[in-house]
Amino acid sequence: IGVYMIVEAKKMTNGFFIPMVDELKKINKKHFLIKIEIVDYQADQLESKHKLGYLSKPVTSNEFSSWENEQVWGD
């Protein structure tokens, strides 16, 4: 889920453009906070699903051994 903010550029009398954040003032804060809660909940659900996947099918001892030579641990 992405949150998009609309920023308008309005021309000042001296020719410079400045960003106007009038649209940000119109954002319904409760709606925004609910969206954040939904994203947090979805992330928690995905983490739980990931954990359950590893619990139901644990990593075997040789599952990642073929990649050991490609790992750089830094000394």
Protein backbone atom coordinates (compact mmCIF):
# COMPACT_ATOMS: atom_id res chain seq x y z
CA ILE A 1 0.00 0.00 0.00
CA GLY A 2 1.40 3.32 -0.95
CA VAL A 3 0.60 6.73 0.39
CA TYR A 4 0.68 9.39 -2.25
CA MET A 5 0.98 13.04 -1.47
CA ILE A 6 0.05 15.69 -3.97
CA VAL A 7 2.25 18.72 -3.95
CA GLU A 8 1.26 21.61 -6.12
CA ALA A 9 3.72 24.09 -7.49
CA LYS A 10 2.46 27.59 -7.67
CA LYS A 11 4.27 30.44 -9.26
CA MET A 12 5.17 33.37 -7.11
CA THR A 13 5.16 36.90 -8.45
CA ASN A 14 8.95 36.95 -8.69
CA GLY A 15 9.05 33.94 -11.01
CA PHE A 16 10.20 31.27 -8.53
CA PHE A 17 8.21 28.08 -7.98
CA ILE A 18 7.53 26.95 -4.45
CA PRO A 19 5.89 23.71 -3.38
CA MET A 20 2.51 24.16 -1.78
CA VAL A 21 1.33 21.55 0.66
CA ASP A 22 -2.31 22.58 0.77
CA GLU A 23 -3.37 19.05 -0.15
CA LEU A 24 -1.57 17.65 2.89
CA LYS A 25 -3.80 19.71 5.15
CA LYS A 26 -6.85 18.00 3.65
CA ILE A 27 -5.71 14.47 4.49
CA ASN A 28 -8.05 12.73 6.89
CA LYS A 29 -5.68 11.82 9.72
CA LYS A 30 -7.85 8.96 10.99
CA HIS A 31 -7.95 7.41 7.52
CA PHE A 32 -4.17 7.76 7.26
CA LEU A 33 -3.62 6.13 10.68
CA ILE A 34 -5.98 3.29 9.79
CA LYS A 35 -3.96 2.62 6.63
CA ILE A 36 -0.78 2.49 8.71
CA GLU A 37 -2.42 0.00 11.09
CA ILE A 38 -3.52 -2.15 8.14
CA VAL A 39 0.02 -2.22 6.75
CA ASP A 40 1.42 -3.14 10.19
CA TYR A 41 -1.16 -5.93 10.53
CA GLN A 42 -0.35 -7.28 7.06
CA ALA A 43 3.38 -7.26 7.86
CA ASP A 44 2.71 -9.16 11.10
CA GLN A 45 0.62 -11.71 9.21
CA LEU A 46 3.38 -12.25 6.63
CA GLU A 47 5.99 -12.67 9.38
CA SER A 48 3.78 -15.24 11.12
CA LYS A 49 3.27 -17.11 7.85
CA HIS A 50 7.04 -17.09 7.25
CA LYS A 51 7.71 -18.42 10.75
CA LEU A 52 5.09 -21.17 10.41
CA GLY A 53 6.62 -22.18 7.09
CA TYR A 54 10.02 -22.73 8.69
CA LEU A 55 8.45 -24.55 11.63
CA SER A 56 6.55 -26.93 9.34
CA LYS A 57 9.50 -27.43 6.97
CA PRO A 58 12.73 -26.76 8.88
CA VAL A 59 15.98 -26.03 7.08
CA THR A 60 18.01 -29.18 6.47
CA SER A 61 21.71 -29.37 7.28
CA ASN A 62 22.77 -29.37 3.62
CA GLU A 63 20.16 -26.95 2.28
CA PHE A 64 22.46 -23.94 2.16
CA SER A 65 25.84 -25.68 2.19
CA SER A 66 26.26 -25.26 -1.57
CA TRP A 67 26.24 -21.48 -1.06
CA GLU A 68 28.92 -21.40 1.66
CA ASN A 69 31.76 -20.75 -0.80
CA GLU A 70 29.95 -17.66 -2.09
CA GLN A 71 29.44 -16.10 1.34
CA VAL A 72 31.69 -13.23 2.38
CA TRP A 73 31.78 -12.86 6.14
CA GLY A 74 34.53 -10.25 6.47
CA ASP A 75 37.21 -10.75 9.06
